[in-house]
Amino acid sequence: MTPQAHKRSRLTTRLVAAAAALLLGGGGTALIAAGASADGADEDGPAQRSGPAAVASTVSCPDVGDRLRQVPRGAQLPVSRGLAALDRQVATAYEKMTAGGRGGKTDAMLQQLRQQREKTIGAMADAIGRSAPRPDALLKMSACKMKPTGQAISVGEQQGEGDAAQQGQDDAQQGQGDAAQQGQDGAQQGQGDAAQQGQDGGAQEQPPGGPSPDDFADIRSVQPNAQQPPQGDGASTGTFVSECGTNEEGHFNSDNVIVTPGVSNGAHHTHDYVGNETTDAFSTDQSLAASGTTCGNGDLSTYYWPVLRTLDGTSEHKPGAGHDGNVGSVLTPSDVKLTFSGSQAGDVTAMPRFLRIITGDAKAFTNGPANANASWSCVGFEDRQLKDKYPICPNGADVVRTFNFQSCWDGQNTDSANHRTHVAFAQQDGSCPAGFRAIPQLQEKITYDVPAGEQFAVDSFPEQLHKPVTDHGDFINVMPERLMNKAVKCINGGRDCG
C-alpha cells in the first residue's frame, strides 16, 4: 500500500463540493440535466427547494483513438500527444462543469471543448497525412455532449449549495482562481450538514466523482451465470502460469505505454504493475527486453491494470491520484494469478514477442459497453460474475477481479492503430475469425482482501466516474522465445506448467 497524504488537489476539492450535495455521491454532478430552471429567480424560489428530481450528468466525447486505423511511424508521437491532450481537455471540461456548469453556461463550455478538440484532432490528422491518407473523418468527432449518469438528484439539494458556491463557480469560469477556491470552500462548508444528515440516515457518503451506490451489488443476490465453454475433440487443454508477485515493490505510474507512449500521465489514473520492472510511458521494445522482472520463470512481460482503492477519503496530490480525482488508499492485491490457456477448437501458436493487448475499455461508461470485458466476483462465489457492478462480498470473502484477454492474432502485427484490430476474441465455437490464428489466452485474476465495511473502486478517467464497467487490463508479451515455446508445448500437450 502506498503512503497517502491528506491533501486534496484543486480538482478533488471542486468535486468534493459537488459530490457532497448528492449525499450518495451520484457520480460527480456536472449539471442539473432535467427539472431545473435556467431562470435565476425561479431557482431561488421556495418551490425549487422542494422541487422534482433531476439527473446528474458527465461529459461524453467520441473516442478518437478507437477510430484510428493507420498511424505511420513518423506520426506516432504527435498522435500519442494528441490523444493525451484530448483526454486532458475532457477532464478539464468535466472539472469546470462540476464546479459550476449550469444552464446556458454548459453550452458555452461544450462549444469551447469542441473548438479545442477540433484543433487537436486537426493536428493529429495533419501528422498522419504527411505519409498516409489524411483521416478527415476524425474531424467529425470533435463535438461532445452531456451524458446522464442515471443517478437522480434533488433540485433542492443542488440549490442548497448556496450563493457562495455559485459565486465561486462563476469566478472559476472567469479564471479567477483565488475567488473560485473561496467559493468552493464555502460550498463545501455549506454542504456539510446535508451530507452528515445523509450519513446519519444510513447512507455512506461516496467520494468525489463516484462511484454511485447503484454500482454495487450483493454477490449473494446474483444467480450463478459463469459458463465453461464446450471443448472440441482437438481442444488444447493445458495451462501455463507465470508467478510474478503482487507488486510488493510498489511499481506504480499513471502512464499508458500502449495507448499514449512518450507522454507522462497519459492514463490520468494510476496503474499497478507486475512482471517487467521498468515499464513506463517511455519504454521501448529494447528497454523492456533489457529489464529485470518480478516473475520467477524469467518472463519479462508487462502485466498491468488500474489500481483498486478503498474509499476512505485519503488523497495523494500527484498525477494519476488526487490530481486527477482518484482518491482513497491503494489496495495491494492479496494474490495475482496469470494463466495462459488453450483453444477449445485446437492447438495454439506462439505469441510474437512484444505483442500488445488491451482488454476492456477505460471509457466504457461514455463509449458504451461494446468493448467492456472485466468481471467481478468474490472468493467462494466465482460461479457468479458481475460485469457492471462491484461485488459486496460476505464477511471473510475476498474480492476477485478477472480479465480474459483476446486469444486470436492476425498473424502479422504486434499492435494496431487503435490497439484492438490486430487481435480478436474467439467465436462461440472456439474458432478464430477468418484471417486470425489461435494464441494462448491470458487470464489475469487479481484478488483483494478489502477491509470490512469499506467500499472500493478502480481508478478511472475523471469523467468516467469510477464505474466498474470501465475496468481494463493490459499486457505486453516480452517472454523470451524459449519460454513462450515451452508455454505453447505445455498448453497443446494438455499439461499444467509454470
Protein backbone atom coordinates (compact mmCIF):
# COMPACT_ATOMS: atom_id res chain seq x y z
CA MET A 1 0.00 0.00 0.00
CA THR A 2 1.40 3.37 -0.94
CA PRO A 3 1.71 6.17 1.61
CA GLN A 4 -1.24 8.54 1.44
CA ALA A 5 -1.26 12.26 2.11
CA HIS A 6 -4.37 14.08 3.35
CA LYS A 7 -4.07 16.86 0.82
CA ARG A 8 -6.69 17.45 -1.87
CA SER A 9 -5.94 18.83 -5.31
CA ARG A 10 -7.94 21.66 -6.83
CA LEU A 11 -9.87 19.16 -8.95
CA THR A 12 -10.60 16.97 -5.93
CA THR A 13 -11.76 19.97 -3.87
CA ARG A 14 -14.20 21.01 -6.56
CA LEU A 15 -15.51 17.51 -6.99
CA VAL A 16 -16.00 17.15 -3.23
CA ALA A 17 -18.22 20.23 -3.27
CA ALA A 18 -20.43 18.74 -5.95
CA ALA A 19 -20.47 15.25 -4.51
CA ALA A 20 -21.45 16.37 -1.04
CA ALA A 21 -24.70 17.82 -2.32
CA LEU A 22 -25.61 14.42 -3.70
CA LEU A 23 -25.28 12.76 -0.28
CA LEU A 24 -24.86 9.43 -2.01
CA GLY A 25 -22.27 10.74 -4.44
CA GLY A 26 -24.15 10.26 -7.70
CA GLY A 27 -21.08 10.26 -9.86
CA GLY A 28 -19.86 13.82 -9.73
CA THR A 29 -22.67 16.17 -10.72
CA ALA A 30 -21.73 18.19 -13.76
CA LEU A 31 -25.05 19.96 -14.08
CA ILE A 32 -28.75 19.56 -13.50
CA ALA A 33 -29.81 17.96 -16.73
CA ALA A 34 -33.55 18.00 -16.17
CA GLY A 35 -36.17 19.64 -13.98
CA ALA A 36 -34.18 22.80 -13.24
CA SER A 37 -34.99 26.30 -14.44
CA ALA A 38 -32.34 28.41 -16.12
CA ASP A 39 -34.01 31.48 -14.65
CA GLY A 40 -32.21 32.62 -11.54
CA ALA A 41 -35.34 33.95 -9.84
CA ASP A 42 -37.13 30.64 -10.23
CA GLU A 43 -34.12 28.74 -8.90
CA ASP A 44 -34.18 30.80 -5.73
CA GLY A 45 -37.88 30.29 -5.08
CA PRO A 46 -39.24 28.00 -2.36
CA ALA A 47 -40.77 25.64 -4.91
CA GLN A 48 -37.33 24.81 -6.25
CA ARG A 49 -36.06 23.85 -2.82
CA SER A 50 -38.55 21.02 -2.71
CA GLY A 51 -38.68 20.55 -6.48
CA PRO A 52 -38.61 17.40 -8.61
CA ALA A 53 -35.61 15.17 -9.01
CA ALA A 54 -33.03 15.96 -11.69
CA VAL A 55 -30.35 13.77 -13.21
CA ALA A 56 -26.60 14.16 -12.78
CA SER A 57 -24.53 14.18 -15.96
CA THR A 58 -20.98 13.78 -17.16
CA VAL A 59 -19.09 14.74 -20.32
CA SER A 60 -19.26 12.28 -23.21
CA CYS A 61 -16.99 12.64 -26.24
CA PRO A 62 -16.40 10.37 -29.25
CA ASP A 63 -13.35 8.14 -28.75
CA VAL A 64 -10.91 9.27 -31.43
CA GLY A 65 -8.33 6.64 -30.53
CA ASP A 66 -10.76 3.82 -31.19
CA ARG A 67 -11.35 5.09 -34.74
CA LEU A 68 -7.69 5.23 -35.75
CA ARG A 69 -6.83 2.74 -38.48
CA GLN A 70 -3.41 3.84 -39.72
CA VAL A 71 -0.70 5.74 -37.87
CA PRO A 72 2.62 5.90 -39.76
CA ARG A 73 5.77 5.63 -37.68
CA GLY A 74 6.59 9.32 -38.09
CA ALA A 75 3.16 10.30 -36.80
CA GLN A 76 3.13 8.05 -33.74
CA LEU A 77 4.44 10.58 -31.21
CA PRO A 78 2.27 13.50 -32.45
CA VAL A 79 -0.78 11.22 -32.38
CA SER A 80 0.13 9.98 -28.90
CA ARG A 81 0.45 13.55 -27.67
CA GLY A 82 -2.83 14.44 -29.37
CA LEU A 83 -4.71 11.60 -27.68
CA ALA A 84 -3.32 12.64 -24.30
CA ALA A 85 -4.32 16.26 -25.00
CA LEU A 86 -7.87 15.19 -25.84
CA ASP A 87 -8.12 13.38 -22.52
CA ARG A 88 -6.82 16.44 -20.66
CA GLN A 89 -9.35 18.66 -22.42
CA VAL A 90 -12.26 16.42 -21.44
CA ALA A 91 -11.04 16.20 -17.84
CA THR A 92 -10.73 19.99 -17.64
CA ALA A 93 -14.20 20.49 -19.10
CA TYR A 94 -15.62 17.98 -16.63
CA GLU A 95 -13.92 19.83 -13.79
CA LYS A 96 -15.37 23.16 -14.88
CA MET A 97 -18.86 21.74 -15.30
CA THR A 98 -18.69 20.02 -11.96
CA ALA A 99 -17.60 23.26 -10.35
CA GLY A 100 -20.34 25.38 -11.82
CA GLY A 101 -21.72 24.41 -15.25
CA ARG A 102 -25.44 25.15 -15.22
CA GLY A 103 -27.98 26.25 -17.82
CA GLY A 104 -26.53 28.13 -20.79
CA LYS A 105 -23.01 28.07 -19.34
CA THR A 106 -22.85 24.36 -20.12
CA ASP A 107 -23.44 25.03 -23.79
CA ALA A 108 -20.63 27.59 -23.83
CA MET A 109 -18.21 25.15 -22.22
CA LEU A 110 -19.16 22.39 -24.65
CA GLN A 111 -18.52 24.80 -27.51
CA GLN A 112 -15.12 25.69 -26.07
CA LEU A 113 -14.31 21.99 -25.71
CA ARG A 114 -15.33 21.38 -29.32
CA GLN A 115 -13.00 24.11 -30.53
CA GLN A 116 -10.11 22.67 -28.54
CA ARG A 117 -10.78 19.19 -29.88
CA GLU A 118 -11.05 20.42 -33.47
CA LYS A 119 -7.60 21.97 -33.21
CA THR A 120 -6.05 18.88 -31.61
CA ILE A 121 -7.71 16.37 -33.95
CA GLY A 122 -6.72 18.53 -36.92
CA ALA A 123 -3.07 18.44 -35.84
CA MET A 124 -3.25 14.65 -35.48
CA ALA A 125 -4.80 14.33 -38.95
CA ASP A 126 -2.08 16.57 -40.38
CA ALA A 127 0.65 14.39 -38.84
CA ILE A 128 -0.90 11.22 -40.28
CA GLY A 129 -1.49 12.92 -43.63
CA ARG A 130 2.20 13.62 -44.18
CA SER A 131 2.82 9.97 -45.11
CA ALA A 132 -0.65 8.39 -45.39
CA PRO A 133 -4.16 9.42 -46.43
CA ARG A 134 -5.36 12.22 -44.14
CA PRO A 135 -8.17 10.86 -41.91
CA ASP A 136 -10.55 13.81 -42.33
CA ALA A 137 -13.43 11.78 -40.88
CA LEU A 138 -11.83 12.21 -37.45
CA LEU A 139 -12.74 15.90 -37.51
CA LYS A 140 -16.40 14.91 -37.25
CA MET A 141 -15.62 13.58 -33.76
CA SER A 142 -14.93 17.00 -32.21
CA ALA A 143 -18.36 17.62 -30.67
CA CYS A 144 -19.16 16.35 -27.18
CA LYS A 145 -22.39 16.15 -25.22
CA MET A 146 -23.65 15.60 -21.72
CA LYS A 147 -24.49 12.04 -20.68
CA PRO A 148 -26.87 11.41 -17.76
CA THR A 149 -25.29 9.21 -15.12
CA GLY A 150 -28.61 7.62 -14.23
CA GLN A 151 -28.36 8.98 -10.70
CA ALA A 152 -31.31 11.13 -9.61
CA ILE A 153 -30.60 14.21 -7.52
CA SER A 154 -32.83 16.76 -5.83
CA VAL A 155 -33.00 20.23 -7.27
CA GLY A 156 -33.33 21.48 -3.72
CA GLU A 157 -30.07 19.79 -2.74
CA GLN A 158 -28.27 21.33 -5.70
CA GLN A 159 -29.72 24.77 -4.95
CA GLY A 160 -28.75 24.31 -1.31
CA GLU A 161 -25.10 24.69 -2.25
CA GLY A 162 -25.71 28.38 -1.66
CA ASP A 163 -24.77 31.72 -3.13
CA ALA A 164 -21.14 31.38 -2.05
CA ALA A 165 -20.78 28.22 -4.15
CA GLN A 166 -22.33 29.87 -7.21
CA GLN A 167 -20.13 32.93 -6.79
CA GLY A 168 -17.06 30.72 -6.56
CA GLN A 169 -18.14 28.77 -9.62
CA ASP A 170 -18.71 31.94 -11.66
CA ASP A 171 -15.28 33.21 -10.68
CA ALA A 172 -13.70 29.87 -11.56
CA GLN A 173 -15.15 30.09 -15.07
CA GLN A 174 -13.53 33.54 -15.42
CA GLY A 175 -10.17 32.12 -14.38
CA GLN A 176 -10.10 33.86 -11.00
CA GLY A 177 -8.50 31.02 -9.08
CA ASP A 178 -8.45 32.53 -5.59
CA ALA A 179 -12.07 33.59 -5.67
CA ALA A 180 -13.03 30.21 -7.06
CA GLN A 181 -11.28 28.44 -4.22
CA GLN A 182 -13.07 30.62 -1.67
CA GLY A 183 -16.40 29.82 -3.29
CA GLN A 184 -15.64 26.13 -3.33
CA ASP A 185 -14.62 26.18 0.31
CA GLY A 186 -17.87 27.93 1.13
CA ALA A 187 -19.84 25.38 -0.84
CA GLN A 188 -18.09 22.51 0.89
CA GLN A 189 -18.78 24.01 4.31
CA GLY A 190 -22.39 24.77 3.43
CA GLN A 191 -23.00 21.20 2.35
CA GLY A 192 -21.66 19.61 5.49
CA ASP A 193 -24.96 19.42 7.38
CA ALA A 194 -26.77 17.87 4.42
CA ALA A 195 -24.02 15.34 3.84
CA GLN A 196 -23.97 14.41 7.53
CA GLN A 197 -27.73 14.03 7.52
CA GLY A 198 -27.42 11.54 4.68
CA GLN A 199 -24.80 9.58 6.57
CA ASP A 200 -26.88 9.55 9.74
CA GLY A 201 -29.73 8.18 7.68
CA GLY A 202 -27.70 5.07 6.95
CA ALA A 203 -26.04 6.02 3.66
CA GLN A 204 -22.29 6.10 3.39
CA GLU A 205 -21.01 9.26 1.73
CA GLN A 206 -19.31 8.49 -1.57
CA PRO A 207 -16.05 10.07 -2.75
CA PRO A 208 -15.97 12.85 -5.34
CA GLY A 209 -16.67 11.73 -8.87
CA GLY A 210 -18.36 8.44 -7.99
CA PRO A 211 -18.99 5.60 -7.86
CA SER A 212 -22.71 5.53 -7.12
CA PRO A 213 -24.36 3.17 -4.63
CA ASP A 214 -26.06 1.65 -7.67
CA ASP A 215 -22.63 0.47 -8.82
CA PHE A 216 -22.55 -2.19 -6.05
CA ALA A 217 -24.44 -5.48 -5.77
CA ASP A 218 -24.53 -8.17 -3.10
CA ILE A 219 -22.93 -11.20 -4.74
CA ARG A 220 -25.39 -13.45 -2.92
CA SER A 221 -28.24 -11.84 -4.88
CA VAL A 222 -26.65 -12.84 -8.21
CA GLN A 223 -27.74 -16.09 -9.83
CA PRO A 224 -24.93 -18.43 -11.00
CA ASN A 225 -24.05 -17.30 -14.50
CA ALA A 226 -20.48 -18.41 -15.23
CA GLN A 227 -20.30 -20.97 -18.02
CA GLN A 228 -17.36 -23.04 -19.19
CA PRO A 229 -17.03 -23.09 -22.99
CA PRO A 230 -17.51 -26.51 -24.60
CA GLN A 231 -14.30 -28.32 -25.51
CA GLY A 232 -13.91 -29.70 -29.02
CA ASP A 233 -12.25 -33.02 -29.78
CA GLY A 234 -8.97 -31.30 -30.62
CA ALA A 235 -9.00 -28.71 -27.84
CA SER A 236 -5.71 -27.64 -26.28
CA THR A 237 -6.37 -28.11 -22.59
CA GLY A 238 -3.08 -27.35 -20.86
CA THR A 239 -2.12 -24.22 -18.93
CA PHE A 240 1.00 -22.18 -18.29
CA VAL A 241 1.26 -19.96 -15.19
CA SER A 242 3.63 -17.05 -14.57
CA GLU A 243 4.17 -16.28 -10.88
CA CYS A 244 5.03 -12.59 -10.78
CA GLY A 245 4.04 -11.45 -7.28
CA THR A 246 1.54 -8.82 -6.22
CA ASN A 247 3.58 -5.65 -6.86
CA GLU A 248 5.25 -5.77 -3.47
CA GLU A 249 7.91 -3.48 -4.98
CA GLY A 250 5.40 -0.66 -5.47
CA HIS A 251 5.70 -0.25 -9.24
CA PHE A 252 3.02 2.37 -9.98
CA ASN A 253 2.63 5.15 -12.51
CA SER A 254 -0.11 6.98 -14.38
CA ASP A 255 1.41 6.35 -17.81
CA ASN A 256 -0.16 4.41 -20.67
CA VAL A 257 2.68 2.94 -22.70
CA ILE A 258 0.38 1.16 -25.17
CA VAL A 259 -2.08 3.97 -25.97
CA THR A 260 -0.03 7.12 -25.32
CA PRO A 261 3.66 6.16 -25.43
CA GLY A 262 6.08 9.00 -24.80
CA VAL A 263 3.58 11.02 -22.71
CA SER A 264 3.71 11.26 -18.91
CA ASN A 265 0.37 10.80 -17.08
CA GLY A 266 -1.27 9.58 -20.27
CA ALA A 267 -3.74 7.49 -18.28
CA HIS A 268 -4.98 10.11 -15.78
CA HIS A 269 -5.24 7.19 -13.34
CA THR A 270 -2.68 5.01 -11.58
CA HIS A 271 -1.64 1.62 -12.96
CA ASP A 272 -0.50 -1.35 -10.88
CA TYR A 273 2.33 -3.42 -12.48
CA VAL A 274 3.79 -6.89 -12.12
CA GLY A 275 6.39 -8.58 -14.28
CA ASN A 276 8.65 -6.18 -16.16
CA GLU A 277 10.29 -3.83 -13.67
CA THR A 278 10.88 -0.75 -15.83
CA THR A 279 7.62 -0.21 -17.70
CA ASP A 280 6.58 3.42 -18.08
CA ALA A 281 5.48 5.80 -20.82
CA PHE A 282 8.94 5.86 -22.38
CA SER A 283 9.56 2.12 -22.54
CA THR A 284 10.59 0.63 -25.87
CA ASP A 285 10.83 -2.97 -27.03
CA GLN A 286 14.57 -2.73 -26.42
CA SER A 287 14.28 -1.33 -22.89
CA LEU A 288 11.63 -3.90 -21.94
CA ALA A 289 13.83 -6.74 -23.22
CA ALA A 290 16.76 -5.43 -21.15
CA SER A 291 14.74 -5.09 -17.92
CA GLY A 292 14.53 -7.23 -14.84
CA THR A 293 11.31 -8.95 -13.85
CA THR A 294 9.32 -9.91 -10.78
CA CYS A 295 8.34 -13.20 -12.45
CA GLY A 296 10.07 -16.32 -11.14
CA ASN A 297 10.39 -18.06 -14.52
CA GLY A 298 12.22 -15.30 -16.40
CA ASP A 299 9.06 -13.91 -18.01
CA LEU A 300 9.85 -10.26 -18.84
CA SER A 301 6.30 -9.47 -19.89
CA THR A 302 4.41 -6.41 -18.64
CA TYR A 303 1.09 -7.02 -16.87
CA TYR A 304 -0.86 -4.04 -15.57
CA TRP A 305 -4.30 -2.68 -14.61
CA PRO A 306 -5.77 0.34 -12.77
CA VAL A 307 -5.24 0.28 -9.02
CA LEU A 308 -8.13 -0.53 -6.71
CA ARG A 309 -8.67 1.94 -3.87
CA THR A 310 -10.64 1.79 -0.65
CA LEU A 311 -12.90 4.84 -0.46
CA ASP A 312 -11.51 6.13 2.82
CA GLY A 313 -11.20 9.80 1.82
CA THR A 314 -7.39 9.98 1.72
CA SER A 315 -5.76 11.64 -1.25
CA GLU A 316 -2.28 11.99 -2.70
CA HIS A 317 -1.78 15.20 -4.63
CA LYS A 318 0.05 13.79 -7.63
CA PRO A 319 -0.74 12.80 -11.23
CA GLY A 320 -3.00 9.78 -11.50
CA ALA A 321 -4.18 10.17 -7.90
CA GLY A 322 -5.80 13.21 -6.24
CA HIS A 323 -4.53 15.43 -9.06
CA ASP A 324 -6.90 13.53 -11.38
CA GLY A 325 -9.76 12.91 -8.96
CA ASN A 326 -8.70 9.41 -7.83
CA VAL A 327 -8.90 9.33 -4.05
CA GLY A 328 -8.57 6.62 -1.45
CA SER A 329 -5.85 4.24 -0.26
CA VAL A 330 -4.37 1.88 -2.83
CA LEU A 331 -5.04 -1.79 -2.11
CA THR A 332 -2.22 -4.26 -2.67
CA PRO A 333 -3.63 -7.50 -4.11
CA SER A 334 -3.58 -10.49 -1.81
CA ASP A 335 -2.98 -12.68 -4.87
CA VAL A 336 -2.29 -12.27 -8.59
CA LYS A 337 -2.67 -15.28 -10.88
CA LEU A 338 -1.52 -15.02 -14.50
CA THR A 339 -2.62 -18.04 -16.52
CA PHE A 340 -2.25 -18.81 -20.21
CA SER A 341 -4.68 -21.43 -21.54
CA GLY A 342 -5.53 -23.08 -24.84
CA SER A 343 -8.20 -23.02 -27.52
CA GLN A 344 -11.37 -25.09 -27.36
CA ALA A 345 -11.08 -25.59 -31.12
CA GLY A 346 -7.49 -26.81 -31.46
CA ASP A 347 -3.80 -26.09 -30.87
CA VAL A 348 -2.40 -22.63 -30.21
CA THR A 349 0.62 -20.99 -31.83
CA ALA A 350 3.24 -18.83 -30.13
CA MET A 351 2.56 -15.17 -29.47
CA PRO A 352 5.03 -12.84 -31.20
CA ARG A 353 7.39 -11.08 -28.83
CA PHE A 354 6.24 -7.52 -27.97
CA LEU A 355 2.61 -8.28 -28.82
CA ARG A 356 0.43 -5.67 -27.11
CA ILE A 357 -3.13 -6.44 -25.98
CA ILE A 358 -5.72 -4.35 -24.14
CA THR A 359 -8.87 -5.97 -22.83
CA GLY A 360 -11.79 -3.88 -21.62
CA ASP A 361 -12.39 -0.19 -22.22
CA ALA A 362 -11.32 2.61 -19.87
CA LYS A 363 -14.05 4.82 -21.37
CA ALA A 364 -16.86 2.26 -21.48
CA PHE A 365 -19.24 4.42 -19.44
CA THR A 366 -19.37 7.05 -22.18
CA ASN A 367 -18.38 4.81 -25.13
CA GLY A 368 -20.90 2.10 -24.32
CA PRO A 369 -20.17 -1.48 -23.24
CA ALA A 370 -19.16 -2.98 -26.61
CA ASN A 371 -15.51 -3.39 -25.55
CA ALA A 372 -16.07 -3.77 -21.79
CA ASN A 373 -14.57 -7.03 -20.55
CA ALA A 374 -13.90 -7.16 -16.83
CA SER A 375 -15.65 -9.47 -14.37
CA TRP A 376 -16.09 -9.07 -10.61
CA SER A 377 -16.89 -11.72 -8.01
CA CYS A 378 -15.99 -12.99 -4.55
CA VAL A 379 -13.94 -15.98 -3.39
CA GLY A 380 -16.36 -18.87 -2.99
CA PHE A 381 -18.88 -17.30 -5.37
CA GLU A 382 -16.95 -17.36 -8.65
CA ASP A 383 -19.80 -19.10 -10.44
CA ARG A 384 -21.44 -15.66 -10.18
CA GLN A 385 -19.80 -12.93 -12.25
CA LEU A 386 -20.69 -9.23 -12.39
CA LYS A 387 -19.87 -7.15 -15.47
CA ASP A 388 -21.13 -3.68 -14.49
CA LYS A 389 -21.27 -3.84 -10.69
CA TYR A 390 -18.76 -4.06 -7.88
CA PRO A 391 -19.45 -7.04 -5.60
CA ILE A 392 -20.44 -6.74 -1.98
CA CYS A 393 -18.84 -9.88 -0.55
CA PRO A 394 -19.85 -11.78 2.60
CA ASN A 395 -17.59 -11.25 5.60
CA GLY A 396 -14.28 -13.01 5.07
CA ALA A 397 -14.63 -13.41 1.30
CA ASP A 398 -12.04 -11.61 -0.84
CA VAL A 399 -12.98 -9.58 -3.92
CA VAL A 400 -11.97 -11.23 -7.21
CA ARG A 401 -11.30 -9.20 -10.36
CA THR A 402 -10.81 -11.08 -13.65
CA PHE A 403 -9.66 -10.13 -17.16
CA ASN A 404 -9.78 -12.63 -20.04
CA PHE A 405 -7.72 -11.42 -22.98
CA GLN A 406 -8.23 -11.85 -26.71
CA SER A 407 -6.93 -15.22 -27.93
CA CYS A 408 -6.80 -14.73 -31.71
CA TRP A 409 -3.99 -12.87 -33.54
CA ASP A 410 -3.86 -11.61 -37.13
CA GLY A 411 -0.51 -13.33 -37.67
CA GLN A 412 1.28 -10.13 -38.71
CA ASN A 413 1.11 -7.19 -36.32
CA THR A 414 2.20 -6.78 -32.71
CA ASP A 415 -0.08 -3.75 -32.39
CA SER A 416 -2.61 -1.74 -34.38
CA ALA A 417 -3.56 1.92 -34.61
CA ASN A 418 -6.49 1.54 -32.22
CA HIS A 419 -4.75 -1.28 -30.27
CA ARG A 420 -7.65 -3.65 -30.96
CA THR A 421 -7.90 -4.76 -34.58
CA HIS A 422 -4.73 -6.92 -34.60
CA VAL A 423 -6.32 -9.30 -32.05
CA ALA A 424 -9.82 -10.74 -31.59
CA PHE A 425 -11.86 -12.93 -29.30
CA ALA A 426 -12.63 -16.49 -30.35
CA GLN A 427 -16.06 -17.19 -31.80
CA GLN A 428 -18.70 -19.14 -29.90
CA ASP A 429 -17.36 -22.49 -31.10
CA GLY A 430 -13.84 -21.54 -30.08
CA SER A 431 -12.53 -20.95 -33.59
CA CYS A 432 -10.84 -17.71 -34.59
CA PRO A 433 -12.32 -15.29 -37.14
CA ALA A 434 -11.08 -15.62 -40.72
CA GLY A 435 -7.50 -14.43 -41.05
CA PHE A 436 -6.70 -14.95 -37.36
CA ARG A 437 -4.88 -17.76 -35.57
CA ALA A 438 -5.25 -19.06 -32.02
CA ILE A 439 -2.67 -17.98 -29.43
CA PRO A 440 -2.52 -18.72 -25.68
CA GLN A 441 -5.28 -16.85 -23.86
CA LEU A 442 -4.09 -14.79 -20.92
CA GLN A 443 -6.28 -14.53 -17.84
CA GLU A 444 -5.36 -12.00 -15.14
CA LYS A 445 -7.12 -12.87 -11.86
CA ILE A 446 -6.49 -10.40 -9.06
CA THR A 447 -7.75 -10.96 -5.51
CA TYR A 448 -8.11 -8.32 -2.78
CA ASP A 449 -8.71 -8.51 0.94
CA VAL A 450 -10.93 -5.43 1.21
CA PRO A 451 -11.25 -4.20 4.82
CA ALA A 452 -14.63 -4.99 6.35
CA GLY A 453 -17.16 -2.24 5.79
CA GLU A 454 -15.02 -0.40 3.22
CA GLN A 455 -16.29 0.40 -0.26
CA PHE A 456 -13.84 0.47 -3.15
CA ALA A 457 -13.44 1.49 -6.78
CA VAL A 458 -10.98 1.33 -9.65
CA ASP A 459 -9.10 4.40 -10.78
CA SER A 460 -10.56 5.98 -13.90
CA PHE A 461 -10.53 8.99 -16.18
CA PRO A 462 -12.35 11.72 -14.19
CA GLU A 463 -15.45 11.82 -16.38
CA GLN A 464 -15.83 8.02 -16.27
CA LEU A 465 -16.91 8.26 -12.61
CA HIS A 466 -15.09 5.14 -11.38
CA LYS A 467 -17.72 2.90 -12.94
CA PRO A 468 -16.85 -0.83 -12.77
CA VAL A 469 -17.63 -1.17 -16.48
CA THR A 470 -14.54 0.96 -17.24
CA ASP A 471 -12.14 -1.59 -15.76
CA HIS A 472 -9.45 -2.89 -18.11
CA GLY A 473 -6.23 -4.88 -18.26
CA ASP A 474 -3.07 -4.50 -20.35
CA PHE A 475 -0.35 -6.89 -21.46
CA ILE A 476 2.89 -6.70 -23.44
CA ASN A 477 4.44 -10.08 -24.23
CA VAL A 478 8.16 -9.96 -23.53
CA MET A 479 8.65 -13.67 -22.86
CA PRO A 480 11.96 -14.97 -24.23
CA GLU A 481 11.26 -17.14 -27.27
CA ARG A 482 12.28 -20.33 -25.49
CA LEU A 483 9.86 -19.63 -22.63
CA MET A 484 6.97 -18.90 -25.00
CA ASN A 485 7.67 -22.12 -26.88
CA LYS A 486 7.62 -24.01 -23.59
CA ALA A 487 4.24 -22.47 -22.74
CA VAL A 488 2.79 -23.44 -26.12
CA LYS A 489 4.10 -27.00 -25.80
CA CYS A 490 2.53 -27.36 -22.34
CA ILE A 491 -0.80 -25.97 -23.46
CA ASN A 492 -1.03 -28.08 -26.63
CA GLY A 493 0.15 -31.15 -24.71
CA GLY A 494 -2.60 -30.87 -22.11
CA ARG A 495 -0.14 -30.30 -19.25
CA ASP A 496 -0.08 -27.68 -16.49
CA CYS A 497 3.25 -25.89 -16.33
CA GLY A 498 4.77 -22.75 -14.87
